[in-house]
Amino acid sequence: MVGPGSLEHRILDETALRARFGATSPLAARKVVTSLDVFCRAFIQRSPFLCLGTQSADGKADVSPRGDPAGFVQVLDDTHLAIPDRPGNNRLDSHTNILANPAVGLLFMIPGYEDTLRVNGKAHLSVDPEILKPMAVAERVPTLAIVVAVEEAFLHCAKAFKRSKLWQPESLQDRKDLPSLTRMILVQAGEKELSEEDLRRLDDRLETHYKTGLY
Protein backbone atom coordinates (compact mmCIF):
# COMPACT_ATOMS: atom_id res chain seq x y z
CA MET A 1 0.00 0.00 0.00
CA VAL A 2 1.42 3.37 -1.05
CA GLY A 3 -0.52 5.41 1.49
CA PRO A 4 -1.63 9.06 1.36
CA GLY A 5 0.03 11.38 -1.12
CA SER A 6 1.41 10.62 -4.57
CA LEU A 7 4.86 9.12 -4.99
CA GLU A 8 6.01 12.11 -7.04
CA HIS A 9 5.67 14.26 -3.92
CA ARG A 10 7.60 11.94 -1.64
CA ILE A 11 11.12 12.73 -0.52
CA LEU A 12 13.15 9.61 -1.14
CA ASP A 13 16.77 10.56 -0.49
CA GLU A 14 18.85 12.82 1.74
CA THR A 15 19.83 15.16 -1.10
CA ALA A 16 16.18 15.98 -1.81
CA LEU A 17 15.52 16.33 1.91
CA ARG A 18 18.33 18.77 2.60
CA ALA A 19 17.45 20.85 -0.46
CA ARG A 20 14.28 21.94 1.37
CA PHE A 21 16.10 23.15 4.51
CA GLY A 22 18.85 25.55 5.36
CA ALA A 23 22.31 24.43 6.34
CA THR A 24 22.82 22.96 9.81
CA SER A 25 24.15 25.65 12.11
CA PRO A 26 27.78 25.11 13.16
CA LEU A 27 26.80 25.04 16.84
CA ALA A 28 24.07 22.44 16.27
CA ALA A 29 26.58 20.28 14.44
CA ARG A 30 29.14 20.58 17.25
CA LYS A 31 26.87 20.20 20.27
CA VAL A 32 26.93 16.38 20.39
CA VAL A 33 29.05 14.87 23.18
CA THR A 34 30.06 11.23 23.47
CA SER A 35 30.01 10.97 27.25
CA LEU A 36 27.80 12.18 30.09
CA ASP A 37 29.31 15.51 31.06
CA VAL A 38 28.33 17.68 34.03
CA PHE A 39 25.32 19.14 32.19
CA CYS A 40 23.98 15.77 31.03
CA ARG A 41 24.34 14.41 34.55
CA ALA A 42 22.55 17.40 36.07
CA PHE A 43 19.68 17.02 33.59
CA ILE A 44 19.33 13.28 34.22
CA GLN A 45 19.40 13.82 37.99
CA ARG A 46 16.42 16.20 37.74
CA SER A 47 14.40 14.16 35.27
CA PRO A 48 11.44 12.04 36.48
CA PHE A 49 10.41 10.96 32.97
CA LEU A 50 11.86 9.74 29.70
CA CYS A 51 10.75 8.15 26.46
CA LEU A 52 12.63 5.06 25.32
CA GLY A 53 12.78 4.35 21.60
CA THR A 54 13.62 0.83 20.41
CA GLN A 55 13.39 -1.17 17.21
CA SER A 56 12.87 -4.86 16.53
CA ALA A 57 15.08 -6.97 14.29
CA ASP A 58 12.61 -6.55 11.42
CA GLY A 59 12.45 -2.74 11.78
CA LYS A 60 9.27 -2.38 13.83
CA ALA A 61 9.66 0.78 15.94
CA ASP A 62 8.35 1.35 19.46
CA VAL A 63 8.43 4.16 22.03
CA SER A 64 7.81 3.46 25.71
CA PRO A 65 7.39 5.94 28.60
CA ARG A 66 9.47 5.46 31.75
CA GLY A 67 8.89 7.42 34.93
CA ASP A 68 9.83 7.46 38.61
CA PRO A 69 10.95 10.02 41.20
CA ALA A 70 13.44 12.53 39.78
CA GLY A 71 16.89 11.00 39.43
CA PHE A 72 15.60 7.47 38.92
CA VAL A 73 18.00 6.88 36.04
CA GLN A 74 21.39 6.00 37.49
CA VAL A 75 24.55 7.32 35.86
CA LEU A 76 26.99 4.43 36.30
CA ASP A 77 30.01 6.15 34.76
CA ASP A 78 30.85 8.63 32.01
CA THR A 79 29.40 6.44 29.26
CA HIS A 80 26.82 4.20 30.93
CA LEU A 81 23.44 4.76 32.55
CA ALA A 82 20.83 2.39 33.93
CA ILE A 83 17.03 2.61 33.79
CA PRO A 84 15.09 0.59 36.40
CA ASP A 85 12.28 -1.56 35.04
CA ARG A 86 9.12 -1.27 37.14
CA PRO A 87 5.98 -3.46 37.04
CA GLY A 88 3.98 -3.04 33.84
CA ASN A 89 1.74 -5.00 31.53
CA ASN A 90 4.40 -7.64 30.74
CA ARG A 91 4.19 -7.12 26.98
CA LEU A 92 7.98 -6.64 27.14
CA ASP A 93 8.08 -4.80 23.81
CA SER A 94 11.15 -2.73 24.69
CA HIS A 95 12.94 -5.69 26.24
CA THR A 96 12.48 -8.05 23.29
CA ASN A 97 13.44 -5.27 20.89
CA ILE A 98 16.68 -4.66 22.80
CA LEU A 99 17.50 -8.37 22.69
CA ALA A 100 17.10 -8.28 18.91
CA ASN A 101 18.49 -4.81 18.22
CA PRO A 102 20.39 -2.97 20.99
CA ALA A 103 20.18 0.50 19.41
CA VAL A 104 18.06 2.82 21.58
CA GLY A 105 17.16 6.49 21.79
CA LEU A 106 16.21 8.31 25.01
CA LEU A 107 14.45 11.63 25.47
CA PHE A 108 14.68 13.04 29.01
CA MET A 109 12.14 15.59 30.24
CA ILE A 110 11.91 17.76 33.35
CA PRO A 111 8.53 19.25 34.36
CA GLY A 112 8.62 22.97 33.70
CA TYR A 113 11.74 22.76 31.51
CA GLU A 114 11.10 23.27 27.82
CA ASP A 115 14.54 21.95 26.90
CA THR A 116 15.16 18.20 26.65
CA LEU A 117 18.15 15.87 26.65
CA ARG A 118 18.58 13.26 23.94
CA VAL A 119 20.80 10.22 24.43
CA ASN A 120 21.50 7.54 21.83
CA GLY A 121 23.42 4.34 22.31
CA LYS A 122 23.37 0.57 22.66
CA ALA A 123 21.43 -1.17 25.45
CA HIS A 124 21.45 -4.48 27.23
CA LEU A 125 19.29 -6.01 29.97
CA SER A 126 20.94 -6.56 33.34
CA VAL A 127 20.00 -8.37 36.56
CA ASP A 128 23.24 -7.40 38.31
CA PRO A 129 22.35 -6.91 42.02
CA GLU A 130 24.92 -4.13 42.35
CA ILE A 131 23.02 -2.15 39.73
CA LEU A 132 19.52 -3.07 40.89
CA LYS A 133 19.77 -2.58 44.67
CA PRO A 134 20.38 1.20 44.58
CA MET A 135 17.24 1.52 42.44
CA ALA A 136 14.90 0.07 45.07
CA VAL A 137 11.77 2.08 45.90
CA ALA A 138 9.68 1.19 48.97
CA GLU A 139 12.18 -1.65 49.49
CA ARG A 140 11.21 -3.18 46.16
CA VAL A 141 14.11 -3.89 43.83
CA PRO A 142 13.37 -3.73 40.08
CA THR A 143 13.29 -7.02 38.21
CA LEU A 144 15.95 -5.81 35.82
CA ALA A 145 17.63 -2.69 34.51
CA ILE A 146 18.11 -1.40 30.99
CA VAL A 147 21.77 -0.42 30.80
CA VAL A 148 22.68 1.98 28.00
CA ALA A 149 26.18 2.45 26.63
CA VAL A 150 26.08 6.09 25.56
CA GLU A 151 27.28 6.86 22.05
CA GLU A 152 26.03 10.43 21.79
CA ALA A 153 24.14 12.93 23.91
CA PHE A 154 22.94 16.43 23.24
CA LEU A 155 20.57 19.04 24.59
CA HIS A 156 17.54 19.83 22.44
CA CYS A 157 16.01 23.30 22.16
CA ALA A 158 12.54 24.24 23.43
CA LYS A 159 10.71 24.93 20.16
CA ALA A 160 8.45 21.84 20.28
CA PHE A 161 7.44 22.56 23.88
CA LYS A 162 6.84 26.22 23.16
CA ARG A 163 4.68 25.38 20.16
CA SER A 164 2.69 22.76 22.09
CA LYS A 165 2.59 24.79 25.35
CA LEU A 166 2.91 21.42 27.06
CA TRP A 167 3.75 22.74 30.53
CA GLN A 168 1.35 25.69 30.46
CA PRO A 169 -1.64 25.36 32.85
CA GLU A 170 -4.03 26.60 30.15
CA SER A 171 -3.05 23.60 28.02
CA LEU A 172 -4.42 21.07 30.51
CA GLN A 173 -7.40 19.19 29.13
CA ASP A 174 -10.32 17.64 30.97
CA ARG A 175 -9.71 13.89 31.26
CA LYS A 176 -13.47 13.38 31.03
CA ASP A 177 -13.34 14.44 27.38
CA LEU A 178 -12.38 10.85 26.54
CA PRO A 179 -13.61 7.52 27.95
CA SER A 180 -11.49 5.91 30.64
CA LEU A 181 -8.38 3.98 29.60
CA THR A 182 -10.02 0.69 30.55
CA ARG A 183 -13.07 1.37 28.40
CA MET A 184 -11.07 2.39 25.35
CA ILE A 185 -8.80 -0.66 25.54
CA LEU A 186 -11.74 -3.04 25.98
CA VAL A 187 -13.44 -1.62 22.89
CA GLN A 188 -10.21 -1.88 20.90
CA ALA A 189 -9.85 -5.50 22.09
CA GLY A 190 -13.34 -6.33 20.84
CA GLU A 191 -15.03 -6.70 24.25
CA LYS A 192 -18.67 -5.70 23.68
CA GLU A 193 -20.61 -7.66 26.26
CA LEU A 194 -19.59 -5.83 29.43
CA SER A 195 -22.23 -3.87 31.32
CA GLU A 196 -21.75 -0.37 32.71
CA GLU A 197 -21.40 -1.92 36.14
CA ASP A 198 -18.64 -4.22 34.88
CA LEU A 199 -16.84 -1.27 33.28
CA ARG A 200 -17.04 0.81 36.46
CA ARG A 201 -15.66 -2.11 38.45
CA LEU A 202 -12.74 -2.47 36.05
CA ASP A 203 -12.09 1.27 36.19
CA ASP A 204 -11.99 1.06 39.99
CA ARG A 205 -9.66 -1.93 39.84
CA LEU A 206 -7.22 -0.01 37.65
CA GLU A 207 -7.23 2.95 40.05
CA THR A 208 -6.55 0.58 42.94
CA HIS A 209 -3.69 -0.98 40.99
CA TYR A 210 -2.20 2.48 40.43
CA LYS A 211 -2.16 2.96 44.20
CA THR A 212 -0.79 -0.45 45.16
CA GLY A 213 1.06 -1.84 42.14
CA LEU A 214 3.48 0.87 40.99
CA TYR A 215 6.43 -0.96 42.57
C-alpha atoms as a PDB file:
ATOM      1  CA  MET A   1       0.000   0.000   0.000  1.00  0.00           C
ATOM      2  CA  VAL A   2       1.420   3.368  -1.053  1.00  0.00           C
ATOM      3  CA  GLY A   3      -0.520   5.413   1.494  1.00  0.00           C
ATOM      4  CA  PRO A   4      -1.632   9.063   1.362  1.00  0.00           C
ATOM      5  CA  GLY A   5       0.033  11.380  -1.124  1.00  0.00           C
ATOM      6  CA  SER A   6       1.411  10.624  -4.566  1.00  0.00           C
ATOM      7  CA  LEU A   7       4.858   9.116  -4.994  1.00  0.00           C
ATOM      8  CA  GLU A   8       6.005  12.105  -7.035  1.00  0.00           C
ATOM      9  CA  HIS A   9       5.670  14.256  -3.921  1.00  0.00           C
ATOM     10  CA  ARG A  10       7.605  11.940  -1.636  1.00  0.00           C
ATOM     11  CA  ILE A  11      11.125  12.731  -0.518  1.00  0.00           C
ATOM     12  CA  LEU A  12      13.147   9.606  -1.145  1.00  0.00           C
ATOM     13  CA  ASP A  13      16.773  10.559  -0.492  1.00  0.00           C
ATOM     14  CA  GLU A  14      18.847  12.818   1.737  1.00  0.00           C
ATOM     15  CA  THR A  15      19.831  15.163  -1.099  1.00  0.00           C
ATOM     16  CA  ALA A  16      16.180  15.976  -1.815  1.00  0.00           C
ATOM     17  CA  LEU A  17      15.516  16.332   1.910  1.00  0.00           C
ATOM     18  CA  ARG A  18      18.333  18.773   2.601  1.00  0.00           C
ATOM     19  CA  ALA A  19      17.446  20.853  -0.460  1.00  0.00           C
ATOM     20  CA  ARG A  20      14.284  21.944   1.373  1.00  0.00           C
ATOM     21  CA  PHE A  21      16.098  23.147   4.506  1.00  0.00           C
ATOM     22  CA  GLY A  22      18.852  25.553   5.362  1.00  0.00           C
ATOM     23  CA  ALA A  23      22.306  24.428   6.345  1.00  0.00           C
ATOM     24  CA  THR A  24      22.819  22.958   9.805  1.00  0.00           C
ATOM     25  CA  SER A  25      24.150  25.647  12.109  1.00  0.00           C
ATOM     26  CA  PRO A  26      27.778  25.107  13.155  1.00  0.00           C
ATOM     27  CA  LEU A  27      26.798  25.044  16.844  1.00  0.00           C
ATOM     28  CA  ALA A  28      24.067  22.438  16.267  1.00  0.00           C
ATOM     29  CA  ALA A  29      26.579  20.279  14.437  1.00  0.00           C
ATOM     30  CA  ARG A  30      29.143  20.578  17.249  1.00  0.00           C
ATOM     31  CA  LYS A  31      26.867  20.198  20.274  1.00  0.00           C
ATOM     32  CA  VAL A  32      26.932  16.378  20.393  1.00  0.00           C
ATOM     33  CA  VAL A  33      29.046  14.868  23.179  1.00  0.00           C
ATOM     34  CA  THR A  34      30.058  11.231  23.468  1.00  0.00           C
ATOM     35  CA  SER A  35      30.009  10.968  27.255  1.00  0.00           C
ATOM     36  CA  LEU A  36      27.802  12.177  30.088  1.00  0.00           C
ATOM     37  CA  ASP A  37      29.308  15.515  31.064  1.00  0.00           C
ATOM     38  CA  VAL A  38      28.330  17.683  34.032  1.00  0.00           C
ATOM     39  CA  PHE A  39      25.323  19.143  32.192  1.00  0.00           C
ATOM     40  CA  CYS A  40      23.980  15.773  31.027  1.00  0.00           C
ATOM     41  CA  ARG A  41      24.339  14.407  34.546  1.00  0.00           C
ATOM     42  CA  ALA A  42      22.551  17.401  36.073  1.00  0.00           C
ATOM     43  CA  PHE A  43      19.681  17.025  33.591  1.00  0.00           C
ATOM     44  CA  ILE A  44      19.330  13.279  34.222  1.00  0.00           C
ATOM     45  CA  GLN A  45      19.401  13.824  37.988  1.00  0.00           C
ATOM     46  CA  ARG A  46      16.424  16.205  37.735  1.00  0.00           C
ATOM     47  CA  SER A  47      14.400  14.160  35.267  1.00  0.00           C
ATOM     48  CA  PRO A  48      11.444  12.036  36.475  1.00  0.00           C
ATOM     49  CA  PHE A  49      10.415  10.956  32.972  1.00  0.00           C
ATOM     50  CA  LEU A  50      11.864   9.739  29.700  1.00  0.00           C
ATOM     51  CA  CYS A  51      10.751   8.152  26.461  1.00  0.00           C
ATOM     52  CA  LEU A  52      12.626   5.057  25.321  1.00  0.00           C
ATOM     53  CA  GLY A  53      12.779   4.348  21.600  1.00  0.00           C
ATOM     54  CA  THR A  54      13.620   0.827  20.414  1.00  0.00           C
ATOM     55  CA  GLN A  55      13.386  -1.167  17.213  1.00  0.00           C
ATOM     56  CA  SER A  56      12.873  -4.862  16.528  1.00  0.00           C
ATOM     57  CA  ALA A  57      15.079  -6.969  14.290  1.00  0.00           C
ATOM     58  CA  ASP A  58      12.614  -6.547  11.423  1.00  0.00           C
ATOM     59  CA  GLY A  59      12.454  -2.744  11.784  1.00  0.00           C
ATOM     60  CA  LYS A  60       9.273  -2.380  13.829  1.00  0.00           C
ATOM     61  CA  ALA A  61       9.660   0.779  15.938  1.00  0.00           C
ATOM     62  CA  ASP A  62       8.353   1.346  19.460  1.00  0.00           C
ATOM     63  CA  VAL A  63       8.426   4.163  22.026  1.00  0.00           C
ATOM     64  CA  SER A  64       7.815   3.464  25.714  1.00  0.00           C
ATOM     65  CA  PRO A  65       7.387   5.939  28.598  1.00  0.00           C
ATOM     66  CA  ARG A  66       9.473   5.459  31.749  1.00  0.00           C
ATOM     67  CA  GLY A  67       8.889   7.418  34.930  1.00  0.00           C
ATOM     68  CA  ASP A  68       9.829   7.462  38.607  1.00  0.00           C
ATOM     69  CA  PRO A  69      10.949  10.017  41.197  1.00  0.00           C
ATOM     70  CA  ALA A  70      13.444  12.526  39.780  1.00  0.00           C
ATOM     71  CA  GLY A  71      16.887  10.998  39.434  1.00  0.00           C
ATOM     72  CA  PHE A  72      15.596   7.468  38.917  1.00  0.00           C
ATOM     73  CA  VAL A  73      17.998   6.882  36.045  1.00  0.00           C
ATOM     74  CA  GLN A  74      21.386   5.999  37.493  1.00  0.00           C
ATOM     75  CA  VAL A  75      24.546   7.324  35.862  1.00  0.00           C
ATOM     76  CA  LEU A  76      26.986   4.428  36.295  1.00  0.00           C
ATOM     77  CA  ASP A  77      30.014   6.152  34.760  1.00  0.00           C
ATOM     78  CA  ASP A  78      30.851   8.631  32.009  1.00  0.00           C
ATOM     79  CA  THR A  79      29.401   6.441  29.258  1.00  0.00           C
ATOM     80  CA  HIS A  80      26.818   4.197  30.929  1.00  0.00           C
ATOM     81  CA  LEU A  81      23.437   4.756  32.546  1.00  0.00           C
ATOM     82  CA  ALA A  82      20.831   2.388  33.926  1.00  0.00           C
ATOM     83  CA  ILE A  83      17.033   2.614  33.786  1.00  0.00           C
ATOM     84  CA  PRO A  84      15.087   0.593  36.398  1.00  0.00           C
ATOM     85  CA  ASP A  85      12.281  -1.565  35.042  1.00  0.00           C
ATOM     86  CA  ARG A  86       9.118  -1.266  37.136  1.00  0.00           C
ATOM     87  CA  PRO A  87       5.975  -3.459  37.038  1.00  0.00           C
ATOM     88  CA  GLY A  88       3.976  -3.042  33.835  1.00  0.00           C
ATOM     89  CA  ASN A  89       1.737  -4.999  31.526  1.00  0.00           C
ATOM     90  CA  ASN A  90       4.400  -7.640  30.735  1.00  0.00           C
ATOM     91  CA  ARG A  91       4.192  -7.124  26.980  1.00  0.00           C
ATOM     92  CA  LEU A  92       7.985  -6.644  27.143  1.00  0.00           C
ATOM     93  CA  ASP A  93       8.080  -4.802  23.812  1.00  0.00           C
ATOM     94  CA  SER A  94      11.154  -2.727  24.693  1.00  0.00           C
ATOM     95  CA  HIS A  95      12.935  -5.694  26.238  1.00  0.00           C
ATOM     96  CA  THR A  96      12.483  -8.049  23.291  1.00  0.00           C
ATOM     97  CA  ASN A  97      13.444  -5.274  20.890  1.00  0.00           C
ATOM     98  CA  ILE A  98      16.678  -4.657  22.800  1.00  0.00           C
ATOM     99  CA  LEU A  99      17.499  -8.371  22.689  1.00  0.00           C
ATOM    100  CA  ALA A 100      17.097  -8.285  18.914  1.00  0.00           C
ATOM    101  CA  ASN A 101      18.490  -4.810  18.225  1.00  0.00           C
ATOM    102  CA  PRO A 102      20.392  -2.974  20.987  1.00  0.00           C
ATOM    103  CA  ALA A 103      20.176   0.497  19.409  1.00  0.00           C
ATOM    104  CA  VAL A 104      18.064   2.817  21.583  1.00  0.00           C
ATOM    105  CA  GLY A 105      17.159   6.487  21.789  1.00  0.00           C
ATOM    106  CA  LEU A 106      16.213   8.310  25.008  1.00  0.00           C
ATOM    107  CA  LEU A 107      14.445  11.629  25.475  1.00  0.00           C
ATOM    108  CA  PHE A 108      14.680  13.038  29.009  1.00  0.00           C
ATOM    109  CA  MET A 109      12.142  15.594  30.236  1.00  0.00           C
ATOM    110  CA  ILE A 110      11.906  17.763  33.349  1.00  0.00           C
ATOM    111  CA  PRO A 111       8.529  19.251  34.358  1.00  0.00           C
ATOM    112  CA  GLY A 112       8.624  22.973  33.702  1.00  0.00           C
ATOM    113  CA  TYR A 113      11.740  22.758  31.507  1.00  0.00           C
ATOM    114  CA  GLU A 114      11.099  23.270  27.824  1.00  0.00           C
ATOM    115  CA  ASP A 115      14.545  21.951  26.897  1.00  0.00           C
ATOM    116  CA  THR A 116      15.163  18.203  26.654  1.00  0.00           C
ATOM    117  CA  LEU A 117      18.146  15.872  26.648  1.00  0.00           C
ATOM    118  CA  ARG A 118      18.579  13.265  23.937  1.00  0.00           C
ATOM    119  CA  VAL A 119      20.797  10.218  24.428  1.00  0.00           C
ATOM    120  CA  ASN A 120      21.497   7.538  21.834  1.00  0.00           C
ATOM    121  CA  GLY A 121      23.418   4.336  22.314  1.00  0.00           C
ATOM    122  CA  LYS A 122      23.369   0.570  22.662  1.00  0.00           C
ATOM    123  CA  ALA A 123      21.428  -1.167  25.449  1.00  0.00           C
ATOM    124  CA  HIS A 124      21.447  -4.478  27.234  1.00  0.00           C
ATOM    125  CA  LEU A 125      19.286  -6.009  29.967  1.00  0.00           C
ATOM    126  CA  SER A 126      20.944  -6.565  33.337  1.00  0.00           C
ATOM    127  CA  VAL A 127      19.996  -8.374  36.560  1.00  0.00           C
ATOM    128  CA  ASP A 128      23.242  -7.400  38.315  1.00  0.00           C
ATOM    129  CA  PRO A 129      22.351  -6.913  42.019  1.00  0.00           C
ATOM    130  CA  GLU A 130      24.916  -4.129  42.351  1.00  0.00           C
ATOM    131  CA  ILE A 131      23.020  -2.149  39.728  1.00  0.00           C
ATOM    132  CA  LEU A 132      19.523  -3.074  40.893  1.00  0.00           C
ATOM    133  CA  LYS A 133      19.767  -2.583  44.666  1.00  0.00           C
ATOM    134  CA  PRO A 134      20.383   1.199  44.578  1.00  0.00           C
ATOM    135  CA  MET A 135      17.241   1.517  42.441  1.00  0.00           C
ATOM    136  CA  ALA A 136      14.896   0.065  45.066  1.00  0.00           C
ATOM    137  CA  VAL A 137      11.773   2.077  45.904  1.00  0.00           C
ATOM    138  CA  ALA A 138       9.680   1.187  48.965  1.00  0.00           C
ATOM    139  CA  GLU A 139      12.178  -1.646  49.493  1.00  0.00           C
ATOM    140  CA  ARG A 140      11.206  -3.184  46.156  1.00  0.00           C
ATOM    141  CA  VAL A 141      14.107  -3.892  43.833  1.00  0.00           C
ATOM    142  CA  PRO A 142      13.370  -3.734  40.083  1.00  0.00           C
ATOM    143  CA  THR A 143      13.295  -7.022  38.210  1.00  0.00           C
ATOM    144  CA  LEU A 144      15.950  -5.814  35.817  1.00  0.00           C
ATOM    145  CA  ALA A 145      17.633  -2.692  34.509  1.00  0.00           C
ATOM    146  CA  ILE A 146      18.107  -1.398  30.989  1.00  0.00           C
ATOM    147  CA  VAL A 147      21.774  -0.422  30.801  1.00  0.00           C
ATOM    148  CA  VAL A 148      22.675   1.979  28.002  1.00  0.00           C
ATOM    149  CA  ALA A 149      26.182   2.452  26.633  1.00  0.00           C
ATOM    150  CA  VAL A 150      26.082   6.090  25.562  1.00  0.00           C
ATOM    151  CA  GLU A 151      27.276   6.860  22.047  1.00  0.00           C
ATOM    152  CA  GLU A 152      26.026  10.432  21.790  1.00  0.00           C
ATOM    153  CA  ALA A 153      24.140  12.926  23.911  1.00  0.00           C
ATOM    154  CA  PHE A 154      22.935  16.434  23.240  1.00  0.00           C
ATOM    155  CA  LEU A 155      20.567  19.044  24.587  1.00  0.00           C
ATOM    156  CA  HIS A 156      17.537  19.832  22.439  1.00  0.00           C
ATOM    157  CA  CYS A 157      16.012  23.304  22.159  1.00  0.00           C
ATOM    158  CA  ALA A 158      12.544  24.241  23.433  1.00  0.00           C
ATOM    159  CA  LYS A 159      10.709  24.932  20.157  1.00  0.00           C
ATOM    160  CA  ALA A 160       8.454  21.839  20.281  1.00  0.00           C
ATOM    161  CA  PHE A 161       7.444  22.558  23.880  1.00  0.00           C
ATOM    162  CA  LYS A 162       6.838  26.222  23.164  1.00  0.00           C
ATOM    163  CA  ARG A 163       4.676  25.378  20.163  1.00  0.00           C
ATOM    164  CA  SER A 164       2.691  22.762  22.093  1.00  0.00           C
ATOM    165  CA  LYS A 165       2.588  24.793  25.352  1.00  0.00           C
ATOM    166  CA  LEU A 166       2.908  21.421  27.061  1.00  0.00           C
ATOM    167  CA  TRP A 167       3.752  22.737  30.527  1.00  0.00           C
ATOM    168  CA  GLN A 168       1.347  25.692  30.460  1.00  0.00           C
ATOM    169  CA  PRO A 169      -1.639  25.356  32.846  1.00  0.00           C
ATOM    170  CA  GLU A 170      -4.026  26.600  30.153  1.00  0.00           C
ATOM    171  CA  SER A 171      -3.052  23.595  28.020  1.00  0.00           C
ATOM    172  CA  LEU A 172      -4.421  21.072  30.512  1.00  0.00           C
ATOM    173  CA  GLN A 173      -7.397  19.190  29.128  1.00  0.00           C
ATOM    174  CA  ASP A 174     -10.317  17.645  30.975  1.00  0.00           C
ATOM    175  CA  ARG A 175      -9.712  13.893  31.261  1.00  0.00           C
ATOM    176  CA  LYS A 176     -13.469  13.380  31.029  1.00  0.00           C
ATOM    177  CA  ASP A 177     -13.345  14.442  27.376  1.00  0.00           C
ATOM    178  CA  LEU A 178     -12.380  10.845  26.543  1.00  0.00           C
ATOM    179  CA  PRO A 179     -13.609   7.522  27.952  1.00  0.00           C
ATOM    180  CA  SER A 180     -11.489   5.907  30.641  1.00  0.00           C
ATOM    181  CA  LEU A 181      -8.379   3.984  29.596  1.00  0.00           C
ATOM    182  CA  THR A 182     -10.024   0.689  30.547  1.00  0.00           C
ATOM    183  CA  ARG A 183     -13.066   1.368  28.399  1.00  0.00           C
ATOM    184  CA  MET A 184     -11.068   2.391  25.346  1.00  0.00           C
ATOM    185  CA  ILE A 185      -8.802  -0.662  25.544  1.00  0.00           C
ATOM    186  CA  LEU A 186     -11.736  -3.037  25.984  1.00  0.00           C
ATOM    187  CA  VAL A 187     -13.445  -1.621  22.890  1.00  0.00           C
ATOM    188  CA  GLN A 188     -10.209  -1.884  20.899  1.00  0.00           C
ATOM    189  CA  ALA A 189      -9.853  -5.496  22.087  1.00  0.00           C
ATOM    190  CA  GLY A 190     -13.343  -6.334  20.844  1.00  0.00           C
ATOM    191  CA  GLU A 191     -15.031  -6.698  24.248  1.00  0.00           C
ATOM    192  CA  LYS A 192     -18.670  -5.700  23.678  1.00  0.00           C
ATOM    193  CA  GLU A 193     -20.613  -7.661  26.257  1.00  0.00           C
ATOM    194  CA  LEU A 194     -19.594  -5.826  29.434  1.00  0.00           C
ATOM    195  CA  SER A 195     -22.225  -3.865  31.323  1.00  0.00           C
ATOM    196  CA  GLU A 196     -21.748  -0.370  32.706  1.00  0.00           C
ATOM    197  CA  GLU A 197     -21.403  -1.917  36.143  1.00  0.00           C
ATOM    198  CA  ASP A 198     -18.640  -4.220  34.880  1.00  0.00           C
ATOM    199  CA  LEU A 199     -16.839  -1.272  33.283  1.00  0.00           C
ATOM    200  CA  ARG A 200     -17.037   0.810  36.456  1.00  0.00           C
ATOM    201  CA  ARG A 201     -15.658  -2.110  38.451  1.00  0.00           C
ATOM    202  CA  LEU A 202     -12.740  -2.472  36.052  1.00  0.00           C
ATOM    203  CA  ASP A 203     -12.087   1.267  36.195  1.00  0.00           C
ATOM    204  CA  ASP A 204     -11.989   1.063  39.991  1.00  0.00           C
ATOM    205  CA  ARG A 205      -9.657  -1.935  39.843  1.00  0.00           C
ATOM    206  CA  LEU A 206      -7.224  -0.008  37.648  1.00  0.00           C
ATOM    207  CA  GLU A 207      -7.228   2.947  40.048  1.00  0.00           C
ATOM    208  CA  THR A 208      -6.545   0.582  42.942  1.00  0.00           C
ATOM    209  CA  HIS A 209      -3.688  -0.984  40.992  1.00  0.00           C
ATOM    210  CA  TYR A 210      -2.201   2.481  40.427  1.00  0.00           C
ATOM    211  CA  LYS A 211      -2.162   2.963  44.195  1.00  0.00           C
ATOM    212  CA  THR A 212      -0.792  -0.450  45.158  1.00  0.00           C
ATOM    213  CA  GLY A 213       1.062  -1.838  42.140  1.00  0.00           C
ATOM    214  CA  LEU A 214       3.479   0.872  40.995  1.00  0.00           C
ATOM    215  CA  TYR A 215       6.429  -0.955  42.572  1.00  0.00           C
END
